[in-house]
Amino acid sequence: MSLLPRRFRPYFTPNVRRVYLDTTRVVELEKERKIAKKRIKKFEKDQETLLRQCERHMETARVHAEGEKQANVEIGHLRRRLRDSLVVAMAEKEKDDIIEDLKAEADHWKRNYTRLREKSAADLESSVAERDDWKSKYRRLEEEHSAMLDSESDLEE
């Protein structure tokens, strides 16, 4: 068209026309695409981080579960040992109570024995004194009887 004079140019249309495209929308879309890619990369990075943290926490939870299981087993062992020691302690206490009761009963019988022995000794002493009293009365009566017999034989003579 540059070869045509200016006056004829409005009457001709070129075979190839210039098309003016609005590129602002393409540029905006390109920016949005870059932002979306960055967000996707960030989300993928966050996802990897979260997966690693999740795996770490799962491992920690597994270790804690094992520790808890071992602690529960140990608690069971300790409960059995405590129960056994309580049974032994109760048996010891029962034995000590029986021994204490037997000692108290032995002390009771010793006191009764001592009291009865003292009473028997006192009764024996009173019996001996009474016997001696009766013996002396008997001797006196024998003497009186002998004296009476002597006096009767003196009277008969």
N, C-alpha and C. Protein backbone atom coordinates (compact mmCIF):
# COMPACT_ATOMS: atom_id res chain seq x y z
N MET A 1 0.80 -1.17 0.00
CA MET A 1 0.00 0.00 0.00
C MET A 1 0.85 1.26 0.00
N SER A 2 1.96 1.11 0.35
CA SER A 2 2.80 2.29 0.32
C SER A 2 3.09 2.75 -1.11
N LEU A 3 2.90 1.89 -2.06
CA LEU A 3 3.14 2.26 -3.45
C LEU A 3 1.96 3.05 -4.03
N LEU A 4 0.84 2.98 -3.47
CA LEU A 4 -0.33 3.72 -3.95
C LEU A 4 -0.30 5.15 -3.42
N PRO A 5 -0.78 6.05 -4.24
CA PRO A 5 -0.85 7.40 -3.72
C PRO A 5 -1.86 7.47 -2.59
N ARG A 6 -1.77 8.44 -1.81
CA ARG A 6 -2.55 8.58 -0.61
C ARG A 6 -4.03 8.69 -0.92
N ARG A 7 -4.37 9.33 -1.91
CA ARG A 7 -5.77 9.56 -2.21
C ARG A 7 -6.50 8.27 -2.54
N PHE A 8 -5.82 7.27 -3.11
CA PHE A 8 -6.47 6.02 -3.47
C PHE A 8 -6.43 4.99 -2.33
N ARG A 9 -5.71 5.20 -1.37
CA ARG A 9 -5.52 4.21 -0.29
C ARG A 9 -6.82 3.90 0.44
N PRO A 10 -7.73 4.85 0.70
CA PRO A 10 -8.93 4.48 1.44
C PRO A 10 -9.81 3.50 0.67
N TYR A 11 -9.62 3.41 -0.66
CA TYR A 11 -10.49 2.55 -1.45
C TYR A 11 -9.96 1.13 -1.56
N PHE A 12 -8.83 0.91 -1.13
CA PHE A 12 -8.24 -0.43 -1.21
C PHE A 12 -8.04 -0.98 0.21
N THR A 13 -8.23 -2.25 0.29
CA THR A 13 -7.95 -2.92 1.57
C THR A 13 -6.82 -3.90 1.33
N PRO A 14 -5.89 -3.92 2.14
CA PRO A 14 -4.77 -4.80 1.93
C PRO A 14 -5.17 -6.25 2.18
N ASN A 15 -4.45 -7.15 1.60
CA ASN A 15 -4.71 -8.58 1.79
C ASN A 15 -4.37 -9.00 3.22
N VAL A 16 -3.37 -8.45 3.72
CA VAL A 16 -2.96 -8.77 5.08
C VAL A 16 -3.28 -7.55 5.93
N ARG A 17 -4.03 -7.78 6.88
CA ARG A 17 -4.39 -6.68 7.75
C ARG A 17 -3.69 -6.84 9.08
N ARG A 18 -3.48 -5.74 9.66
CA ARG A 18 -2.90 -5.77 11.00
C ARG A 18 -4.03 -5.99 11.98
N VAL A 19 -3.76 -6.89 12.85
CA VAL A 19 -4.75 -7.16 13.90
C VAL A 19 -4.09 -6.78 15.22
N TYR A 20 -4.77 -5.97 15.93
CA TYR A 20 -4.25 -5.55 17.24
C TYR A 20 -4.95 -6.38 18.31
N LEU A 21 -4.18 -7.18 18.97
CA LEU A 21 -4.72 -8.04 20.02
C LEU A 21 -4.46 -7.39 21.37
N ASP A 22 -5.43 -7.57 22.18
CA ASP A 22 -5.28 -7.05 23.54
C ASP A 22 -4.48 -8.08 24.33
N THR A 23 -3.24 -7.81 24.64
CA THR A 23 -2.35 -8.75 25.33
C THR A 23 -2.40 -8.61 26.85
N THR A 24 -3.11 -7.66 27.33
CA THR A 24 -3.16 -7.47 28.78
C THR A 24 -3.77 -8.69 29.47
N ARG A 25 -4.78 -9.27 28.86
CA ARG A 25 -5.41 -10.44 29.46
C ARG A 25 -4.45 -11.63 29.44
N VAL A 26 -3.69 -11.79 28.37
CA VAL A 26 -2.70 -12.87 28.28
C VAL A 26 -1.63 -12.67 29.35
N VAL A 27 -1.19 -11.45 29.50
CA VAL A 27 -0.16 -11.15 30.50
C VAL A 27 -0.69 -11.44 31.89
N GLU A 28 -1.93 -11.04 32.13
CA GLU A 28 -2.54 -11.31 33.44
C GLU A 28 -2.65 -12.82 33.69
N LEU A 29 -3.09 -13.53 32.66
CA LEU A 29 -3.20 -14.98 32.79
C LEU A 29 -1.83 -15.61 33.02
N GLU A 30 -0.81 -15.10 32.32
CA GLU A 30 0.54 -15.61 32.50
C GLU A 30 1.01 -15.36 33.94
N LYS A 31 0.72 -14.18 34.47
CA LYS A 31 1.08 -13.86 35.86
C LYS A 31 0.34 -14.80 36.81
N GLU A 32 -0.96 -15.00 36.55
CA GLU A 32 -1.75 -15.89 37.41
C GLU A 32 -1.20 -17.32 37.34
N ARG A 33 -0.79 -17.72 36.12
CA ARG A 33 -0.23 -19.06 35.96
C ARG A 33 1.06 -19.19 36.76
N LYS A 34 1.94 -18.18 36.70
CA LYS A 34 3.19 -18.21 37.47
C LYS A 34 2.89 -18.25 38.97
N ILE A 35 1.91 -17.43 39.39
CA ILE A 35 1.54 -17.42 40.81
C ILE A 35 0.98 -18.79 41.21
N ALA A 36 0.14 -19.36 40.34
CA ALA A 36 -0.44 -20.68 40.63
C ALA A 36 0.66 -21.74 40.71
N LYS A 37 1.66 -21.66 39.79
CA LYS A 37 2.77 -22.62 39.83
C LYS A 37 3.54 -22.48 41.15
N LYS A 38 3.79 -21.22 41.55
CA LYS A 38 4.49 -21.00 42.82
C LYS A 38 3.68 -21.56 43.98
N ARG A 39 2.36 -21.33 43.95
CA ARG A 39 1.51 -21.85 45.02
C ARG A 39 1.52 -23.37 45.02
N ILE A 40 1.48 -23.96 43.81
CA ILE A 40 1.51 -25.42 43.71
C ILE A 40 2.83 -25.95 44.27
N LYS A 41 3.96 -25.29 43.91
CA LYS A 41 5.26 -25.71 44.45
C LYS A 41 5.28 -25.57 45.97
N LYS A 42 4.72 -24.44 46.45
CA LYS A 42 4.68 -24.22 47.90
C LYS A 42 3.82 -25.30 48.56
N PHE A 43 2.66 -25.60 47.95
CA PHE A 43 1.79 -26.64 48.51
C PHE A 43 2.46 -28.01 48.47
N GLU A 44 3.17 -28.30 47.40
CA GLU A 44 3.89 -29.57 47.32
C GLU A 44 4.98 -29.64 48.38
N LYS A 45 5.68 -28.51 48.57
CA LYS A 45 6.72 -28.45 49.60
C LYS A 45 6.09 -28.61 50.98
N ASP A 46 4.96 -27.91 51.21
CA ASP A 46 4.25 -28.04 52.49
C ASP A 46 3.77 -29.48 52.69
N GLN A 47 3.28 -30.08 51.60
CA GLN A 47 2.81 -31.46 51.68
C GLN A 47 3.95 -32.40 52.06
N GLU A 48 5.11 -32.22 51.45
CA GLU A 48 6.28 -33.05 51.79
C GLU A 48 6.66 -32.84 53.25
N THR A 49 6.67 -31.57 53.67
CA THR A 49 7.01 -31.26 55.06
C THR A 49 6.00 -31.92 56.00
N LEU A 50 4.72 -31.76 55.66
CA LEU A 50 3.68 -32.36 56.50
C LEU A 50 3.78 -33.88 56.52
N LEU A 51 4.09 -34.48 55.36
CA LEU A 51 4.25 -35.94 55.32
C LEU A 51 5.42 -36.39 56.20
N ARG A 52 6.54 -35.64 56.12
CA ARG A 52 7.69 -36.00 56.97
C ARG A 52 7.32 -35.84 58.45
N GLN A 53 6.64 -34.73 58.78
CA GLN A 53 6.23 -34.53 60.17
C GLN A 53 5.26 -35.62 60.61
N CYS A 54 4.33 -35.96 59.70
CA CYS A 54 3.36 -37.01 60.02
C CYS A 54 4.08 -38.34 60.27
N GLU A 55 5.04 -38.66 59.40
CA GLU A 55 5.80 -39.91 59.58
C GLU A 55 6.58 -39.87 60.88
N ARG A 56 7.18 -38.70 61.19
CA ARG A 56 7.93 -38.57 62.43
C ARG A 56 6.99 -38.74 63.64
N HIS A 57 5.82 -38.10 63.55
CA HIS A 57 4.86 -38.22 64.66
C HIS A 57 4.32 -39.65 64.76
N MET A 58 4.12 -40.29 63.62
CA MET A 58 3.66 -41.68 63.65
C MET A 58 4.73 -42.57 64.29
N GLU A 59 5.99 -42.33 63.97
CA GLU A 59 7.08 -43.10 64.58
C GLU A 59 7.14 -42.83 66.08
N THR A 60 6.99 -41.55 66.43
CA THR A 60 6.99 -41.20 67.86
C THR A 60 5.83 -41.88 68.56
N ALA A 61 4.65 -41.86 67.92
CA ALA A 61 3.47 -42.52 68.52
C ALA A 61 3.71 -44.02 68.66
N ARG A 62 4.36 -44.63 67.66
CA ARG A 62 4.65 -46.06 67.74
C ARG A 62 5.60 -46.35 68.90
N VAL A 63 6.64 -45.49 69.03
CA VAL A 63 7.59 -45.67 70.13
C VAL A 63 6.88 -45.49 71.47
N HIS A 64 6.02 -44.47 71.55
CA HIS A 64 5.27 -44.26 72.79
C HIS A 64 4.34 -45.43 73.08
N ALA A 65 3.73 -45.97 72.03
CA ALA A 65 2.84 -47.13 72.22
C ALA A 65 3.63 -48.32 72.75
N GLU A 66 4.83 -48.54 72.20
CA GLU A 66 5.68 -49.63 72.70
C GLU A 66 6.06 -49.39 74.16
N GLY A 67 6.45 -48.13 74.45
CA GLY A 67 6.80 -47.79 75.83
C GLY A 67 5.62 -47.98 76.76
N GLU A 68 4.44 -47.57 76.29
CA GLU A 68 3.24 -47.73 77.11
C GLU A 68 2.94 -49.21 77.33
N LYS A 69 3.12 -50.01 76.29
CA LYS A 69 2.89 -51.45 76.41
C LYS A 69 3.86 -52.05 77.42
N GLN A 70 5.14 -51.67 77.31
CA GLN A 70 6.13 -52.18 78.26
C GLN A 70 5.82 -51.69 79.67
N ALA A 71 5.37 -50.42 79.78
CA ALA A 71 5.02 -49.89 81.10
C ALA A 71 3.84 -50.66 81.68
N ASN A 72 2.85 -50.99 80.85
CA ASN A 72 1.70 -51.75 81.33
C ASN A 72 2.12 -53.15 81.78
N VAL A 73 3.04 -53.76 81.03
CA VAL A 73 3.55 -55.08 81.43
C VAL A 73 4.28 -54.95 82.77
N GLU A 74 5.10 -53.92 82.90
CA GLU A 74 5.83 -53.69 84.16
C GLU A 74 4.85 -53.42 85.30
N ILE A 75 3.79 -52.65 85.01
CA ILE A 75 2.78 -52.39 86.04
C ILE A 75 2.14 -53.71 86.47
N GLY A 76 1.86 -54.59 85.51
CA GLY A 76 1.29 -55.89 85.85
C GLY A 76 2.23 -56.69 86.75
N HIS A 77 3.53 -56.69 86.40
CA HIS A 77 4.51 -57.39 87.24
C HIS A 77 4.56 -56.77 88.63
N LEU A 78 4.58 -55.45 88.68
CA LEU A 78 4.65 -54.78 89.99
C LEU A 78 3.39 -55.04 90.81
N ARG A 79 2.23 -55.06 90.14
CA ARG A 79 0.98 -55.36 90.86
C ARG A 79 1.04 -56.77 91.45
N ARG A 80 1.53 -57.74 90.65
CA ARG A 80 1.65 -59.11 91.17
C ARG A 80 2.62 -59.16 92.34
N ARG A 81 3.77 -58.47 92.20
CA ARG A 81 4.74 -58.47 93.30
C ARG A 81 4.15 -57.81 94.54
N LEU A 82 3.42 -56.71 94.34
CA LEU A 82 2.79 -56.02 95.47
C LEU A 82 1.76 -56.91 96.13
N ARG A 83 0.94 -57.59 95.31
CA ARG A 83 -0.07 -58.49 95.86
C ARG A 83 0.60 -59.61 96.64
N ASP A 84 1.67 -60.18 96.06
CA ASP A 84 2.39 -61.24 96.76
C ASP A 84 2.99 -60.74 98.06
N SER A 85 3.59 -59.54 98.00
CA SER A 85 4.19 -59.00 99.23
C SER A 85 3.11 -58.66 100.25
N LEU A 86 1.92 -58.22 99.77
CA LEU A 86 0.83 -57.97 100.71
C LEU A 86 0.35 -59.26 101.35
N VAL A 87 0.29 -60.33 100.55
CA VAL A 87 -0.10 -61.62 101.10
C VAL A 87 0.92 -62.05 102.15
N VAL A 88 2.20 -61.89 101.83
CA VAL A 88 3.25 -62.25 102.79
C VAL A 88 3.15 -61.37 104.03
N ALA A 89 2.94 -60.06 103.80
CA ALA A 89 2.83 -59.14 104.93
C ALA A 89 1.62 -59.48 105.79
N MET A 90 0.50 -59.83 105.13
CA MET A 90 -0.69 -60.20 105.90
C MET A 90 -0.44 -61.48 106.67
N ALA A 91 0.26 -62.43 106.05
CA ALA A 91 0.59 -63.67 106.74
C ALA A 91 1.52 -63.38 107.92
N GLU A 92 2.50 -62.49 107.70
CA GLU A 92 3.40 -62.09 108.79
C GLU A 92 2.60 -61.44 109.91
N LYS A 93 1.68 -60.53 109.55
CA LYS A 93 0.88 -59.84 110.56
C LYS A 93 0.01 -60.84 111.30
N GLU A 94 -0.59 -61.76 110.54
CA GLU A 94 -1.43 -62.77 111.17
C GLU A 94 -0.59 -63.63 112.12
N LYS A 95 0.63 -64.00 111.67
CA LYS A 95 1.53 -64.79 112.51
C LYS A 95 1.89 -63.99 113.76
N ASP A 96 2.22 -62.70 113.57
CA ASP A 96 2.57 -61.85 114.71
C ASP A 96 1.38 -61.72 115.67
N ASP A 97 0.16 -61.59 115.11
CA ASP A 97 -1.03 -61.50 115.96
C ASP A 97 -1.22 -62.79 116.75
N ILE A 98 -1.02 -63.92 116.08
CA ILE A 98 -1.16 -65.21 116.77
C ILE A 98 -0.11 -65.33 117.87
N ILE A 99 1.12 -64.94 117.55
CA ILE A 99 2.19 -64.99 118.56
C ILE A 99 1.84 -64.09 119.73
N GLU A 100 1.33 -62.89 119.41
CA GLU A 100 0.96 -61.94 120.47
C GLU A 100 -0.16 -62.52 121.32
N ASP A 101 -1.16 -63.14 120.67
CA ASP A 101 -2.25 -63.76 121.41
C ASP A 101 -1.73 -64.90 122.29
N LEU A 102 -0.83 -65.71 121.73
CA LEU A 102 -0.27 -66.82 122.51
C LEU A 102 0.55 -66.31 123.70
N LYS A 103 1.30 -65.22 123.48
CA LYS A 103 2.06 -64.64 124.60
C LYS A 103 1.12 -64.13 125.68
N ALA A 104 0.04 -63.46 125.24
CA ALA A 104 -0.93 -62.95 126.22
C ALA A 104 -1.57 -64.10 126.98
N GLU A 105 -1.91 -65.18 126.26
CA GLU A 105 -2.50 -66.34 126.92
C GLU A 105 -1.50 -66.99 127.88
N ALA A 106 -0.23 -67.07 127.45
CA ALA A 106 0.81 -67.64 128.32
C ALA A 106 0.98 -66.79 129.58
N ASP A 107 0.98 -65.45 129.40
CA ASP A 107 1.07 -64.57 130.57
C ASP A 107 -0.12 -64.77 131.49
N HIS A 108 -1.31 -64.93 130.92
CA HIS A 108 -2.51 -65.16 131.72
C HIS A 108 -2.36 -66.45 132.53
N TRP A 109 -1.91 -67.52 131.87
CA TRP A 109 -1.76 -68.79 132.58
C TRP A 109 -0.65 -68.73 133.61
N LYS A 110 0.43 -67.98 133.31
CA LYS A 110 1.50 -67.82 134.31
C LYS A 110 0.97 -67.10 135.55
N ARG A 111 0.18 -66.04 135.32
CA ARG A 111 -0.38 -65.31 136.46
C ARG A 111 -1.32 -66.22 137.26
N ASN A 112 -2.15 -66.98 136.53
CA ASN A 112 -3.05 -67.91 137.23
C ASN A 112 -2.25 -68.95 138.01
N TYR A 113 -1.19 -69.48 137.39
CA TYR A 113 -0.36 -70.48 138.06
C TYR A 113 0.28 -69.88 139.31
N THR A 114 0.83 -68.68 139.17
CA THR A 114 1.47 -68.02 140.31
C THR A 114 0.45 -67.77 141.42
N ARG A 115 -0.73 -67.26 141.04
CA ARG A 115 -1.77 -66.98 142.03
C ARG A 115 -2.20 -68.28 142.71
N LEU A 116 -2.42 -69.34 141.91
CA LEU A 116 -2.83 -70.62 142.50
C LEU A 116 -1.73 -71.21 143.37
N ARG A 117 -0.48 -71.06 142.93
CA ARG A 117 0.63 -71.58 143.72
C ARG A 117 0.72 -70.85 145.06
N GLU A 118 0.56 -69.52 145.00
CA GLU A 118 0.59 -68.76 146.26
C GLU A 118 -0.58 -69.15 147.15
N LYS A 119 -1.76 -69.33 146.52
CA LYS A 119 -2.93 -69.72 147.29
C LYS A 119 -2.72 -71.12 147.88
N SER A 120 -2.16 -72.02 147.04
CA SER A 120 -1.90 -73.38 147.54
C SER A 120 -0.89 -73.35 148.68
N ALA A 121 0.13 -72.50 148.52
CA ALA A 121 1.13 -72.40 149.59
C ALA A 121 0.48 -71.86 150.85
N ALA A 122 -0.38 -70.84 150.69
CA ALA A 122 -1.06 -70.29 151.87
C ALA A 122 -2.00 -71.32 152.47
N ASP A 123 -2.73 -72.04 151.59
CA ASP A 123 -3.63 -73.09 152.09
C ASP A 123 -2.82 -74.19 152.79
N LEU A 124 -1.67 -74.53 152.20
CA LEU A 124 -0.82 -75.55 152.80
C LEU A 124 -0.33 -75.09 154.16
N GLU A 125 0.10 -73.83 154.21
CA GLU A 125 0.57 -73.31 155.50
C GLU A 125 -0.55 -73.31 156.53
N SER A 126 -1.76 -72.90 156.08
CA SER A 126 -2.87 -72.91 157.05
C SER A 126 -3.23 -74.36 157.42
N SER A 127 -3.12 -75.27 156.43
CA SER A 127 -3.40 -76.68 156.72
C SER A 127 -2.35 -77.23 157.69
N VAL A 128 -1.08 -76.86 157.46
CA VAL A 128 -0.01 -77.31 158.36
C VAL A 128 -0.25 -76.73 159.75
N ALA A 129 -0.61 -75.44 159.78
CA ALA A 129 -0.86 -74.81 161.08
C ALA A 129 -2.05 -75.47 161.76
N GLU A 130 -3.10 -75.74 160.98
CA GLU A 130 -4.28 -76.40 161.54
C GLU A 130 -3.93 -77.81 161.99
N ARG A 131 -3.11 -78.53 161.20
CA ARG A 131 -2.68 -79.87 161.57
C ARG A 131 -1.87 -79.82 162.87
N ASP A 132 -0.94 -78.86 162.91
CA ASP A 132 -0.15 -78.73 164.13
C ASP A 132 -1.04 -78.41 165.32
N ASP A 133 -2.04 -77.57 165.07
CA ASP A 133 -2.98 -77.22 166.14
C ASP A 133 -3.72 -78.47 166.60
N TRP A 134 -4.19 -79.28 165.61
CA TRP A 134 -4.89 -80.50 165.95
C TRP A 134 -3.96 -81.50 166.65
N LYS A 135 -2.71 -81.54 166.18
CA LYS A 135 -1.74 -82.43 166.82
C LYS A 135 -1.53 -82.04 168.27
N SER A 136 -1.36 -80.73 168.45
CA SER A 136 -1.14 -80.29 169.84
C SER A 136 -2.38 -80.56 170.69
N LYS A 137 -3.57 -80.37 170.10
CA LYS A 137 -4.80 -80.68 170.84
C LYS A 137 -4.86 -82.18 171.13
N TYR A 138 -4.47 -82.99 170.12
CA TYR A 138 -4.49 -84.43 170.29
C TYR A 138 -3.51 -84.84 171.38
N ARG A 139 -2.31 -84.28 171.38
CA ARG A 139 -1.32 -84.61 172.41
C ARG A 139 -1.82 -84.19 173.79
N ARG A 140 -2.40 -82.99 173.80
CA ARG A 140 -2.92 -82.53 175.09
C ARG A 140 -4.02 -83.47 175.58
N LEU A 141 -4.91 -83.87 174.61
CA LEU A 141 -5.97 -84.80 175.00
C LEU A 141 -5.37 -86.15 175.42
N GLU A 142 -4.33 -86.59 174.71
CA GLU A 142 -3.68 -87.83 175.09
C GLU A 142 -3.08 -87.70 176.49
N GLU A 143 -2.46 -86.57 176.70
CA GLU A 143 -1.87 -86.36 178.03
C GLU A 143 -2.96 -86.31 179.10
N GLU A 144 -4.04 -85.61 178.75
CA GLU A 144 -5.15 -85.55 179.71
C GLU A 144 -5.72 -86.95 179.94
N HIS A 145 -5.83 -87.67 178.81
CA HIS A 145 -6.35 -89.02 178.91
C HIS A 145 -5.42 -89.90 179.74
N SER A 146 -4.11 -89.78 179.48
CA SER A 146 -3.15 -90.54 180.28
C SER A 146 -3.21 -90.12 181.74
N ALA A 147 -3.34 -88.83 181.92
CA ALA A 147 -3.42 -88.34 183.29
C ALA A 147 -4.68 -88.87 183.96
N MET A 148 -5.77 -88.90 183.19
CA MET A 148 -7.01 -89.41 183.76
C MET A 148 -6.87 -90.90 184.05
N LEU A 149 -6.24 -91.61 183.16
CA LEU A 149 -6.05 -93.02 183.38
C LEU A 149 -5.15 -93.25 184.60
N ASP A 150 -4.14 -92.47 184.70
CA ASP A 150 -3.25 -92.57 185.86
C ASP A 150 -4.01 -92.24 187.15
N SER A 151 -4.81 -91.21 187.05
CA SER A 151 -5.54 -90.83 188.26
C SER A 151 -6.61 -91.88 188.57
N GLU A 152 -7.16 -92.53 187.62
CA GLU A 152 -8.12 -93.59 187.86
C GLU A 152 -7.40 -94.81 188.44
N SER A 153 -6.24 -95.11 187.87
CA SER A 153 -5.52 -96.23 188.42
C SER A 153 -5.04 -95.89 189.84
N ASP A 154 -4.77 -94.67 190.11
CA ASP A 154 -4.41 -94.28 191.47
C ASP A 154 -5.64 -94.40 192.36
N LEU A 155 -6.73 -94.10 191.87
CA LEU A 155 -7.97 -94.17 192.65
C LEU A 155 -8.33 -95.65 192.89
N GLU A 156 -8.10 -96.47 192.03
CA GLU A 156 -8.42 -97.86 192.17
C GLU A 156 -7.44 -98.52 193.14
N GLU A 157 -6.43 -98.10 193.22
CA GLU A 157 -5.45 -98.70 194.11
C GLU A 157 -5.73 -98.21 195.45
